Amino acid sequence: MTVTLRKPALNLLSAYVAALERGWGPDNLRVEESAREERQRIAKDPAGFVVSLDDPEARGGPITLPDGSKTARLPGYNRWIWDDADDFCGSINFRWQNGTSELPPQVLGHIGYSIVPWLRGKGYAKAALALLLPDARARGLEYVDLTTDADNIPSQRVIRANGGYPIERFRKLPEFGGAESIRFRIDL
């Protein structure tokens, strides 16, 4: 299996939409809602949607938090995960603060990922995370943090396989699902 990370592009958008229509959503906590929201954004402005997924200079304007307040956008980007069969496999995103490895308290981790349900357990998340880590290192980060629910053993395996170790157990705020969670760190 060969996995690649691709910058979102209009010529790849139909495969992304097909995954949304098949029941995948990029937000593991809000699968159905995130899939619906993404389809609506794509229908309204496909090119704008694609451009919004790559914002390493944080030009996209403020982010609205679950409580309705606004905060500055962090630099970040999404990459789409593809395999050697030219299939869309999921997405991985990366966000950071310039000049520090620290994140603001409302940001649960530097990296998040979601694999389409029909391809889970085949090593795609592990490979995608490994492919992303050199960019985090190149941006001068000393480490990246990733958060997973305490009962999400497959995700914990992905993180551990990439050198991650637990640094904190905590309960997410209700607006982030309220689950018992573990923050992992990968030293770069």
N, C-alpha and C. Protein backbone atom coordinates (compact mmCIF):
# COMPACT_ATOMS: atom_id res chain seq x y z
N MET A 1 0.85 -1.19 0.00
CA MET A 1 0.00 0.00 0.00
C MET A 1 0.89 1.24 0.00
N THR A 2 0.63 2.13 -0.93
CA THR A 2 1.30 3.42 -0.96
C THR A 2 0.26 4.48 -0.67
N VAL A 3 0.57 5.33 0.31
CA VAL A 3 -0.34 6.40 0.71
C VAL A 3 0.32 7.72 0.35
N THR A 4 -0.47 8.65 -0.18
CA THR A 4 0.01 10.00 -0.44
C THR A 4 -0.95 10.99 0.18
N LEU A 5 -0.41 12.17 0.47
CA LEU A 5 -1.22 13.29 0.94
C LEU A 5 -1.31 14.28 -0.21
N ARG A 6 -2.52 14.66 -0.55
CA ARG A 6 -2.72 15.57 -1.67
C ARG A 6 -3.37 16.86 -1.17
N LYS A 7 -2.86 17.96 -1.67
CA LYS A 7 -3.48 19.25 -1.40
C LYS A 7 -4.86 19.24 -2.06
N PRO A 8 -5.91 19.63 -1.35
CA PRO A 8 -7.24 19.66 -1.96
C PRO A 8 -7.24 20.47 -3.25
N ALA A 9 -7.92 19.95 -4.26
CA ALA A 9 -7.99 20.58 -5.56
C ALA A 9 -9.33 20.25 -6.21
N LEU A 10 -9.76 21.13 -7.10
CA LEU A 10 -11.05 20.93 -7.76
C LEU A 10 -11.12 19.61 -8.51
N ASN A 11 -10.03 19.18 -9.12
CA ASN A 11 -10.07 17.93 -9.88
C ASN A 11 -10.19 16.70 -8.98
N LEU A 12 -10.01 16.86 -7.67
CA LEU A 12 -10.14 15.76 -6.72
C LEU A 12 -11.46 15.83 -5.94
N LEU A 13 -12.18 16.93 -6.11
CA LEU A 13 -13.35 17.20 -5.28
C LEU A 13 -14.45 16.16 -5.44
N SER A 14 -14.64 15.59 -6.62
CA SER A 14 -15.72 14.63 -6.80
C SER A 14 -15.53 13.40 -5.93
N ALA A 15 -14.30 12.96 -5.72
CA ALA A 15 -14.04 11.81 -4.85
C ALA A 15 -14.34 12.16 -3.39
N TYR A 16 -14.01 13.38 -3.00
CA TYR A 16 -14.31 13.87 -1.65
C TYR A 16 -15.82 13.89 -1.42
N VAL A 17 -16.55 14.45 -2.38
CA VAL A 17 -18.01 14.51 -2.28
C VAL A 17 -18.61 13.10 -2.24
N ALA A 18 -18.09 12.20 -3.04
CA ALA A 18 -18.60 10.82 -3.04
C ALA A 18 -18.45 10.20 -1.66
N ALA A 19 -17.33 10.46 -0.99
CA ALA A 19 -17.13 9.92 0.37
C ALA A 19 -18.14 10.55 1.33
N LEU A 20 -18.39 11.85 1.21
CA LEU A 20 -19.39 12.51 2.06
C LEU A 20 -20.76 11.88 1.84
N GLU A 21 -21.10 11.62 0.60
CA GLU A 21 -22.41 11.04 0.28
C GLU A 21 -22.52 9.59 0.72
N ARG A 22 -21.40 8.93 0.88
CA ARG A 22 -21.40 7.52 1.28
C ARG A 22 -21.43 7.35 2.81
N GLY A 23 -21.39 8.45 3.56
CA GLY A 23 -21.53 8.34 5.01
C GLY A 23 -20.32 8.75 5.81
N TRP A 24 -19.26 9.21 5.15
CA TRP A 24 -18.07 9.69 5.87
C TRP A 24 -18.23 11.17 6.16
N GLY A 25 -17.65 11.63 7.24
CA GLY A 25 -17.60 13.05 7.55
C GLY A 25 -16.24 13.38 8.14
N PRO A 26 -15.72 14.57 7.86
CA PRO A 26 -14.38 14.91 8.31
C PRO A 26 -14.25 15.16 9.82
N ASP A 27 -15.36 15.36 10.51
CA ASP A 27 -15.34 15.58 11.95
C ASP A 27 -15.83 14.31 12.64
N ASN A 28 -14.93 13.62 13.32
CA ASN A 28 -15.27 12.35 13.97
C ASN A 28 -16.33 12.49 15.05
N LEU A 29 -16.50 13.68 15.61
CA LEU A 29 -17.50 13.88 16.66
C LEU A 29 -18.87 14.22 16.10
N ARG A 30 -18.89 14.76 14.88
CA ARG A 30 -20.13 15.21 14.26
C ARG A 30 -20.17 14.73 12.81
N VAL A 31 -20.12 13.44 12.62
CA VAL A 31 -19.97 12.87 11.28
C VAL A 31 -21.07 13.34 10.35
N GLU A 32 -22.31 13.10 10.69
CA GLU A 32 -23.42 13.44 9.79
C GLU A 32 -23.53 14.94 9.57
N GLU A 33 -23.41 15.70 10.66
CA GLU A 33 -23.52 17.16 10.52
C GLU A 33 -22.38 17.72 9.70
N SER A 34 -21.17 17.23 9.95
CA SER A 34 -20.02 17.76 9.20
C SER A 34 -20.12 17.40 7.72
N ALA A 35 -20.60 16.20 7.41
CA ALA A 35 -20.78 15.82 6.02
C ALA A 35 -21.82 16.72 5.34
N ARG A 36 -22.92 16.98 6.01
CA ARG A 36 -23.96 17.85 5.46
C ARG A 36 -23.42 19.27 5.26
N GLU A 37 -22.73 19.79 6.27
CA GLU A 37 -22.18 21.15 6.17
C GLU A 37 -21.17 21.26 5.03
N GLU A 38 -20.33 20.26 4.87
CA GLU A 38 -19.35 20.28 3.79
C GLU A 38 -20.04 20.25 2.43
N ARG A 39 -21.04 19.39 2.28
CA ARG A 39 -21.77 19.32 1.00
C ARG A 39 -22.43 20.66 0.67
N GLN A 40 -22.97 21.33 1.69
CA GLN A 40 -23.60 22.64 1.47
C GLN A 40 -22.55 23.68 1.05
N ARG A 41 -21.41 23.69 1.71
CA ARG A 41 -20.34 24.63 1.34
C ARG A 41 -19.85 24.38 -0.08
N ILE A 42 -19.69 23.11 -0.43
CA ILE A 42 -19.22 22.76 -1.77
C ILE A 42 -20.25 23.17 -2.81
N ALA A 43 -21.53 22.92 -2.56
CA ALA A 43 -22.58 23.29 -3.52
C ALA A 43 -22.62 24.80 -3.74
N LYS A 44 -22.37 25.55 -2.69
CA LYS A 44 -22.42 27.01 -2.76
C LYS A 44 -21.21 27.58 -3.51
N ASP A 45 -20.00 27.05 -3.25
CA ASP A 45 -18.79 27.61 -3.84
C ASP A 45 -17.68 26.57 -3.84
N PRO A 46 -17.65 25.68 -4.83
CA PRO A 46 -16.65 24.61 -4.85
C PRO A 46 -15.21 25.12 -4.79
N ALA A 47 -14.91 26.14 -5.58
CA ALA A 47 -13.53 26.66 -5.60
C ALA A 47 -13.17 27.30 -4.26
N GLY A 48 -14.08 28.05 -3.69
CA GLY A 48 -13.84 28.67 -2.38
C GLY A 48 -13.65 27.63 -1.29
N PHE A 49 -14.43 26.55 -1.36
CA PHE A 49 -14.28 25.47 -0.40
C PHE A 49 -12.87 24.88 -0.46
N VAL A 50 -12.42 24.56 -1.67
CA VAL A 50 -11.09 23.96 -1.84
C VAL A 50 -10.01 24.90 -1.32
N VAL A 51 -10.10 26.17 -1.66
CA VAL A 51 -9.10 27.15 -1.22
C VAL A 51 -9.08 27.25 0.30
N SER A 52 -10.25 27.17 0.94
CA SER A 52 -10.34 27.33 2.40
C SER A 52 -9.61 26.22 3.16
N LEU A 53 -9.35 25.12 2.51
CA LEU A 53 -8.72 23.98 3.19
C LEU A 53 -7.20 24.08 3.26
N ASP A 54 -6.64 25.12 2.67
CA ASP A 54 -5.19 25.31 2.69
C ASP A 54 -4.92 26.75 3.08
N ASP A 55 -4.67 26.99 4.37
CA ASP A 55 -4.52 28.34 4.89
C ASP A 55 -3.33 28.45 5.85
N PRO A 56 -2.11 28.22 5.34
CA PRO A 56 -0.94 28.25 6.22
C PRO A 56 -0.58 29.64 6.74
N GLU A 57 -1.24 30.66 6.23
CA GLU A 57 -0.98 32.02 6.72
C GLU A 57 -2.14 32.57 7.54
N ALA A 58 -3.14 31.74 7.82
CA ALA A 58 -4.29 32.12 8.65
C ALA A 58 -5.01 33.36 8.12
N ARG A 59 -5.24 33.40 6.83
CA ARG A 59 -5.91 34.54 6.20
C ARG A 59 -7.42 34.39 6.21
N GLY A 60 -7.93 33.26 6.62
CA GLY A 60 -9.36 32.96 6.52
C GLY A 60 -10.27 33.68 7.48
N GLY A 61 -9.75 34.51 8.33
CA GLY A 61 -10.61 35.23 9.25
C GLY A 61 -10.84 34.45 10.53
N PRO A 62 -11.54 35.04 11.49
CA PRO A 62 -11.72 34.41 12.79
C PRO A 62 -12.55 33.13 12.73
N ILE A 63 -12.38 32.32 13.76
CA ILE A 63 -13.11 31.06 13.93
C ILE A 63 -14.20 31.29 14.97
N THR A 64 -15.38 30.76 14.72
CA THR A 64 -16.45 30.81 15.71
C THR A 64 -16.37 29.55 16.55
N LEU A 65 -16.25 29.74 17.87
CA LEU A 65 -16.18 28.62 18.82
C LEU A 65 -17.59 28.10 19.11
N PRO A 66 -17.69 26.89 19.68
CA PRO A 66 -19.01 26.32 19.97
C PRO A 66 -19.90 27.21 20.84
N ASP A 67 -19.30 28.05 21.69
CA ASP A 67 -20.11 28.93 22.54
C ASP A 67 -20.53 30.21 21.82
N GLY A 68 -20.14 30.36 20.54
CA GLY A 68 -20.51 31.52 19.76
C GLY A 68 -19.48 32.63 19.75
N SER A 69 -18.49 32.56 20.64
CA SER A 69 -17.44 33.58 20.64
C SER A 69 -16.51 33.37 19.45
N LYS A 70 -15.74 34.38 19.15
CA LYS A 70 -14.81 34.31 18.02
C LYS A 70 -13.37 34.39 18.53
N THR A 71 -12.48 33.72 17.79
CA THR A 71 -11.07 33.74 18.11
C THR A 71 -10.26 33.75 16.82
N ALA A 72 -9.03 34.18 16.93
CA ALA A 72 -8.18 34.25 15.75
C ALA A 72 -7.95 32.85 15.17
N ARG A 73 -7.92 32.77 13.86
CA ARG A 73 -7.65 31.52 13.14
C ARG A 73 -6.16 31.20 13.28
N LEU A 74 -5.86 29.94 13.45
CA LEU A 74 -4.47 29.49 13.44
C LEU A 74 -4.07 29.15 12.01
N PRO A 75 -2.78 29.27 11.70
CA PRO A 75 -2.33 28.75 10.41
C PRO A 75 -2.62 27.25 10.36
N GLY A 76 -2.93 26.75 9.18
CA GLY A 76 -3.20 25.32 9.09
C GLY A 76 -3.59 24.91 7.69
N TYR A 77 -3.73 23.61 7.53
CA TYR A 77 -4.17 23.08 6.25
C TYR A 77 -4.72 21.68 6.41
N ASN A 78 -5.48 21.27 5.40
CA ASN A 78 -5.99 19.91 5.27
C ASN A 78 -5.28 19.26 4.10
N ARG A 79 -5.07 17.97 4.22
CA ARG A 79 -4.58 17.18 3.10
C ARG A 79 -5.50 15.99 2.96
N TRP A 80 -5.75 15.61 1.72
CA TRP A 80 -6.58 14.45 1.46
C TRP A 80 -5.69 13.24 1.31
N ILE A 81 -6.12 12.16 1.90
CA ILE A 81 -5.34 10.91 1.92
C ILE A 81 -5.79 10.05 0.75
N TRP A 82 -4.82 9.59 -0.06
CA TRP A 82 -5.09 8.77 -1.24
C TRP A 82 -4.22 7.53 -1.18
N ASP A 83 -4.68 6.49 -1.82
CA ASP A 83 -3.87 5.27 -1.89
C ASP A 83 -3.43 5.00 -3.33
N ASP A 84 -2.64 3.95 -3.51
CA ASP A 84 -2.09 3.64 -4.82
C ASP A 84 -3.16 3.15 -5.81
N ALA A 85 -4.35 2.85 -5.33
CA ALA A 85 -5.45 2.50 -6.22
C ALA A 85 -6.21 3.76 -6.67
N ASP A 86 -5.65 4.93 -6.29
CA ASP A 86 -6.24 6.23 -6.62
C ASP A 86 -7.61 6.39 -5.98
N ASP A 87 -7.73 5.91 -4.75
CA ASP A 87 -8.96 6.05 -3.99
C ASP A 87 -8.79 7.11 -2.90
N PHE A 88 -9.84 7.92 -2.69
CA PHE A 88 -9.88 8.85 -1.57
C PHE A 88 -10.05 8.02 -0.30
N CYS A 89 -9.19 8.24 0.68
CA CYS A 89 -9.20 7.43 1.90
C CYS A 89 -9.58 8.21 3.15
N GLY A 90 -9.54 9.54 3.10
CA GLY A 90 -9.86 10.35 4.26
C GLY A 90 -9.12 11.67 4.23
N SER A 91 -9.05 12.32 5.38
CA SER A 91 -8.35 13.61 5.44
C SER A 91 -7.56 13.71 6.73
N ILE A 92 -6.55 14.54 6.68
CA ILE A 92 -5.73 14.84 7.85
C ILE A 92 -5.51 16.34 7.87
N ASN A 93 -5.59 16.95 9.04
CA ASN A 93 -5.38 18.39 9.12
C ASN A 93 -4.32 18.71 10.15
N PHE A 94 -3.69 19.84 9.96
CA PHE A 94 -2.57 20.28 10.78
C PHE A 94 -2.74 21.77 11.05
N ARG A 95 -2.62 22.17 12.30
CA ARG A 95 -2.69 23.57 12.69
C ARG A 95 -1.60 23.85 13.70
N TRP A 96 -1.14 25.08 13.77
CA TRP A 96 -0.03 25.44 14.65
C TRP A 96 -0.08 26.93 14.94
N GLN A 97 0.73 27.34 15.91
CA GLN A 97 0.96 28.76 16.18
C GLN A 97 2.39 29.05 15.77
N ASN A 98 2.59 30.12 15.05
CA ASN A 98 3.95 30.48 14.64
C ASN A 98 4.80 30.82 15.85
N GLY A 99 6.01 30.30 15.88
CA GLY A 99 6.97 30.64 16.92
C GLY A 99 6.88 29.83 18.19
N THR A 100 5.94 28.89 18.28
CA THR A 100 5.80 28.09 19.49
C THR A 100 5.14 26.75 19.16
N SER A 101 5.42 25.78 20.01
CA SER A 101 4.74 24.48 19.88
C SER A 101 3.44 24.45 20.67
N GLU A 102 3.25 25.44 21.52
CA GLU A 102 2.03 25.52 22.34
C GLU A 102 0.81 25.82 21.47
N LEU A 103 -0.35 25.41 21.95
CA LEU A 103 -1.62 25.71 21.29
C LEU A 103 -2.52 26.45 22.26
N PRO A 104 -3.44 27.27 21.77
CA PRO A 104 -4.41 27.91 22.66
C PRO A 104 -5.30 26.85 23.31
N PRO A 105 -5.88 27.15 24.45
CA PRO A 105 -6.66 26.13 25.19
C PRO A 105 -7.85 25.56 24.42
N GLN A 106 -8.43 26.30 23.50
CA GLN A 106 -9.59 25.80 22.76
C GLN A 106 -9.20 24.84 21.64
N VAL A 107 -7.91 24.68 21.36
CA VAL A 107 -7.44 23.79 20.31
C VAL A 107 -6.92 22.51 20.96
N LEU A 108 -7.57 21.40 20.70
CA LEU A 108 -7.26 20.15 21.40
C LEU A 108 -6.01 19.45 20.89
N GLY A 109 -5.53 19.81 19.71
CA GLY A 109 -4.33 19.18 19.18
C GLY A 109 -3.89 19.82 17.89
N HIS A 110 -2.65 19.54 17.51
CA HIS A 110 -2.11 20.06 16.25
C HIS A 110 -2.66 19.32 15.04
N ILE A 111 -2.94 18.04 15.20
CA ILE A 111 -3.28 17.19 14.07
C ILE A 111 -4.56 16.42 14.37
N GLY A 112 -5.40 16.33 13.36
CA GLY A 112 -6.59 15.50 13.43
C GLY A 112 -6.73 14.74 12.12
N TYR A 113 -7.35 13.61 12.16
CA TYR A 113 -7.52 12.81 10.94
C TYR A 113 -8.80 12.01 11.01
N SER A 114 -9.28 11.66 9.82
CA SER A 114 -10.48 10.85 9.72
C SER A 114 -10.38 9.99 8.46
N ILE A 115 -10.52 8.71 8.63
CA ILE A 115 -10.45 7.75 7.52
C ILE A 115 -11.87 7.31 7.18
N VAL A 116 -12.15 7.13 5.89
CA VAL A 116 -13.48 6.66 5.50
C VAL A 116 -13.74 5.31 6.16
N PRO A 117 -14.97 5.06 6.62
CA PRO A 117 -15.25 3.84 7.39
C PRO A 117 -14.89 2.54 6.67
N TRP A 118 -15.06 2.50 5.36
CA TRP A 118 -14.81 1.26 4.62
C TRP A 118 -13.32 0.95 4.44
N LEU A 119 -12.44 1.86 4.87
CA LEU A 119 -10.99 1.60 4.76
C LEU A 119 -10.27 1.65 6.11
N ARG A 120 -11.03 1.76 7.19
CA ARG A 120 -10.40 1.81 8.51
C ARG A 120 -9.73 0.49 8.85
N GLY A 121 -8.67 0.58 9.65
CA GLY A 121 -7.96 -0.61 10.10
C GLY A 121 -6.97 -1.16 9.09
N LYS A 122 -6.68 -0.40 8.05
CA LYS A 122 -5.78 -0.87 7.00
C LYS A 122 -4.45 -0.11 6.97
N GLY A 123 -4.23 0.80 7.94
CA GLY A 123 -2.95 1.51 8.02
C GLY A 123 -2.92 2.88 7.37
N TYR A 124 -4.04 3.36 6.86
CA TYR A 124 -4.05 4.66 6.19
C TYR A 124 -3.75 5.81 7.15
N ALA A 125 -4.36 5.82 8.32
CA ALA A 125 -4.12 6.90 9.28
C ALA A 125 -2.67 6.89 9.75
N LYS A 126 -2.15 5.71 10.04
CA LYS A 126 -0.75 5.59 10.47
C LYS A 126 0.19 6.17 9.42
N ALA A 127 -0.03 5.80 8.16
CA ALA A 127 0.82 6.28 7.07
C ALA A 127 0.66 7.78 6.87
N ALA A 128 -0.57 8.28 6.91
CA ALA A 128 -0.81 9.71 6.70
C ALA A 128 -0.15 10.54 7.79
N LEU A 129 -0.26 10.09 9.04
CA LEU A 129 0.38 10.82 10.14
C LEU A 129 1.89 10.84 9.95
N ALA A 130 2.47 9.71 9.58
CA ALA A 130 3.92 9.65 9.34
C ALA A 130 4.33 10.61 8.23
N LEU A 131 3.51 10.74 7.20
CA LEU A 131 3.83 11.64 6.10
C LEU A 131 3.73 13.11 6.50
N LEU A 132 2.87 13.42 7.45
CA LEU A 132 2.67 14.81 7.87
C LEU A 132 3.75 15.30 8.84
N LEU A 133 4.29 14.43 9.64
CA LEU A 133 5.22 14.84 10.70
C LEU A 133 6.45 15.60 10.20
N PRO A 134 7.06 15.26 9.06
CA PRO A 134 8.21 16.05 8.61
C PRO A 134 7.88 17.53 8.38
N ASP A 135 6.65 17.83 7.94
CA ASP A 135 6.29 19.23 7.75
C ASP A 135 6.20 19.94 9.10
N ALA A 136 5.67 19.28 10.10
CA ALA A 136 5.60 19.88 11.44
C ALA A 136 7.02 20.18 11.94
N ARG A 137 7.92 19.25 11.73
CA ARG A 137 9.32 19.43 12.12
C ARG A 137 9.93 20.61 11.35
N ALA A 138 9.66 20.69 10.06
CA ALA A 138 10.21 21.76 9.23
C ALA A 138 9.69 23.14 9.64
N ARG A 139 8.54 23.19 10.27
CA ARG A 139 7.98 24.47 10.72
C ARG A 139 8.55 24.88 12.07
N GLY A 140 9.50 24.11 12.59
CA GLY A 140 10.19 24.48 13.82
C GLY A 140 9.51 24.02 15.10
N LEU A 141 8.48 23.19 15.00
CA LEU A 141 7.82 22.71 16.20
C LEU A 141 8.69 21.67 16.90
N GLU A 142 8.69 21.71 18.21
CA GLU A 142 9.44 20.72 18.99
C GLU A 142 8.62 19.45 19.18
N TYR A 143 7.30 19.60 19.14
CA TYR A 143 6.40 18.46 19.32
C TYR A 143 5.06 18.81 18.70
N VAL A 144 4.23 17.78 18.52
CA VAL A 144 2.83 17.98 18.17
C VAL A 144 1.99 17.19 19.17
N ASP A 145 0.83 17.72 19.49
CA ASP A 145 -0.12 17.05 20.37
C ASP A 145 -1.31 16.58 19.55
N LEU A 146 -1.84 15.42 19.92
CA LEU A 146 -3.03 14.86 19.31
C LEU A 146 -3.93 14.37 20.44
N THR A 147 -5.22 14.54 20.30
CA THR A 147 -6.17 14.12 21.32
C THR A 147 -7.09 13.06 20.74
N THR A 148 -7.36 12.05 21.55
CA THR A 148 -8.29 11.01 21.15
C THR A 148 -9.16 10.63 22.35
N ASP A 149 -10.35 10.16 22.09
CA ASP A 149 -11.19 9.67 23.18
C ASP A 149 -10.50 8.49 23.83
N ALA A 150 -10.71 8.34 25.13
CA ALA A 150 -10.05 7.28 25.89
C ALA A 150 -10.43 5.89 25.38
N ASP A 151 -11.60 5.75 24.76
CA ASP A 151 -12.01 4.43 24.27
C ASP A 151 -11.68 4.21 22.78
N ASN A 152 -10.99 5.16 22.16
CA ASN A 152 -10.65 5.04 20.74
C ASN A 152 -9.27 4.37 20.59
N ILE A 153 -9.27 3.08 20.82
CA ILE A 153 -8.02 2.30 20.79
C ILE A 153 -7.36 2.33 19.41
N PRO A 154 -8.10 2.22 18.30
CA PRO A 154 -7.43 2.28 17.00
C PRO A 154 -6.65 3.58 16.79
N SER A 155 -7.23 4.73 17.19
CA SER A 155 -6.52 5.99 17.02
C SER A 155 -5.30 6.05 17.93
N GLN A 156 -5.43 5.51 19.13
CA GLN A 156 -4.27 5.48 20.03
C GLN A 156 -3.14 4.65 19.43
N ARG A 157 -3.47 3.56 18.76
CA ARG A 157 -2.45 2.74 18.10
C ARG A 157 -1.75 3.51 16.99
N VAL A 158 -2.51 4.28 16.23
CA VAL A 158 -1.95 5.11 15.16
C VAL A 158 -0.92 6.09 15.75
N ILE A 159 -1.32 6.76 16.81
CA ILE A 159 -0.44 7.77 17.42
C ILE A 159 0.79 7.11 18.02
N ARG A 160 0.61 6.03 18.75
CA ARG A 160 1.76 5.32 19.35
C ARG A 160 2.71 4.79 18.27
N ALA A 161 2.18 4.31 17.16
CA ALA A 161 3.02 3.79 16.07
C ALA A 161 3.89 4.88 15.47
N ASN A 162 3.51 6.13 15.66
CA ASN A 162 4.28 7.27 15.17
C ASN A 162 5.08 7.95 16.28
N GLY A 163 5.29 7.24 17.37
CA GLY A 163 6.12 7.77 18.46
C GLY A 163 5.39 8.54 19.53
N GLY A 164 4.06 8.52 19.50
CA GLY A 164 3.29 9.27 20.47
C GLY A 164 3.23 8.59 21.83
N TYR A 165 3.14 9.42 22.85
CA TYR A 165 3.02 8.93 24.23
C TYR A 165 2.01 9.82 24.97
N PRO A 166 1.27 9.23 25.92
CA PRO A 166 0.25 10.02 26.62
C PRO A 166 0.88 11.03 27.57
N ILE A 167 0.30 12.24 27.58
CA ILE A 167 0.78 13.26 28.51
C ILE A 167 -0.32 13.74 29.46
N GLU A 168 -1.58 13.43 29.13
CA GLU A 168 -2.66 13.94 29.97
C GLU A 168 -3.95 13.19 29.69
N ARG A 169 -4.67 12.88 30.76
CA ARG A 169 -6.05 12.38 30.66
C ARG A 169 -6.94 13.51 31.14
N PHE A 170 -8.03 13.74 30.44
CA PHE A 170 -8.93 14.83 30.81
C PHE A 170 -10.30 14.57 30.20
N ARG A 171 -11.27 15.33 30.65
CA ARG A 171 -12.61 15.26 30.08
C ARG A 171 -12.79 16.49 29.21
N LYS A 172 -13.17 16.27 27.95
CA LYS A 172 -13.41 17.38 27.04
C LYS A 172 -14.59 18.21 27.56
N LEU A 173 -14.57 19.48 27.26
CA LEU A 173 -15.70 20.33 27.58
C LEU A 173 -16.93 19.82 26.82
N PRO A 174 -18.12 20.06 27.35
CA PRO A 174 -19.34 19.56 26.69
C PRO A 174 -19.44 19.97 25.22
N GLU A 175 -19.00 21.18 24.89
CA GLU A 175 -19.10 21.64 23.50
C GLU A 175 -18.17 20.88 22.55
N PHE A 176 -17.24 20.11 23.12
CA PHE A 176 -16.35 19.26 22.32
C PHE A 176 -16.68 17.78 22.51
N GLY A 177 -17.87 17.49 23.00
CA GLY A 177 -18.33 16.12 23.12
C GLY A 177 -18.33 15.57 24.53
N GLY A 178 -17.58 16.17 25.46
CA GLY A 178 -17.58 15.78 26.86
C GLY A 178 -16.96 14.44 27.19
N ALA A 179 -16.30 13.81 26.24
CA ALA A 179 -15.75 12.46 26.45
C ALA A 179 -14.46 12.48 27.28
N GLU A 180 -14.24 11.38 27.98
CA GLU A 180 -12.96 11.14 28.64
C GLU A 180 -11.92 11.00 27.52
N SER A 181 -10.83 11.76 27.62
CA SER A 181 -9.89 11.84 26.50
C SER A 181 -8.45 11.72 26.98
N ILE A 182 -7.58 11.47 26.02
CA ILE A 182 -6.15 11.38 26.27
C ILE A 182 -5.45 12.29 25.28
N ARG A 183 -4.56 13.14 25.81
CA ARG A 183 -3.71 13.96 24.94
C ARG A 183 -2.38 13.23 24.81
N PHE A 184 -1.99 13.01 23.56
CA PHE A 184 -0.70 12.38 23.25
C PHE A 184 0.25 13.43 22.69
N ARG A 185 1.53 13.17 22.84
CA ARG A 185 2.57 14.05 22.29
C ARG A 185 3.51 13.21 21.43
N ILE A 186 3.90 13.79 20.31
CA ILE A 186 4.95 13.20 19.48
C ILE A 186 6.08 14.21 19.42
N ASP A 187 7.23 13.84 19.96
CA ASP A 187 8.39 14.72 19.91
C ASP A 187 8.96 14.73 18.51
N LEU A 188 9.34 15.90 18.05
CA LEU A 188 9.88 16.03 16.71
C LEU A 188 11.38 16.24 16.78
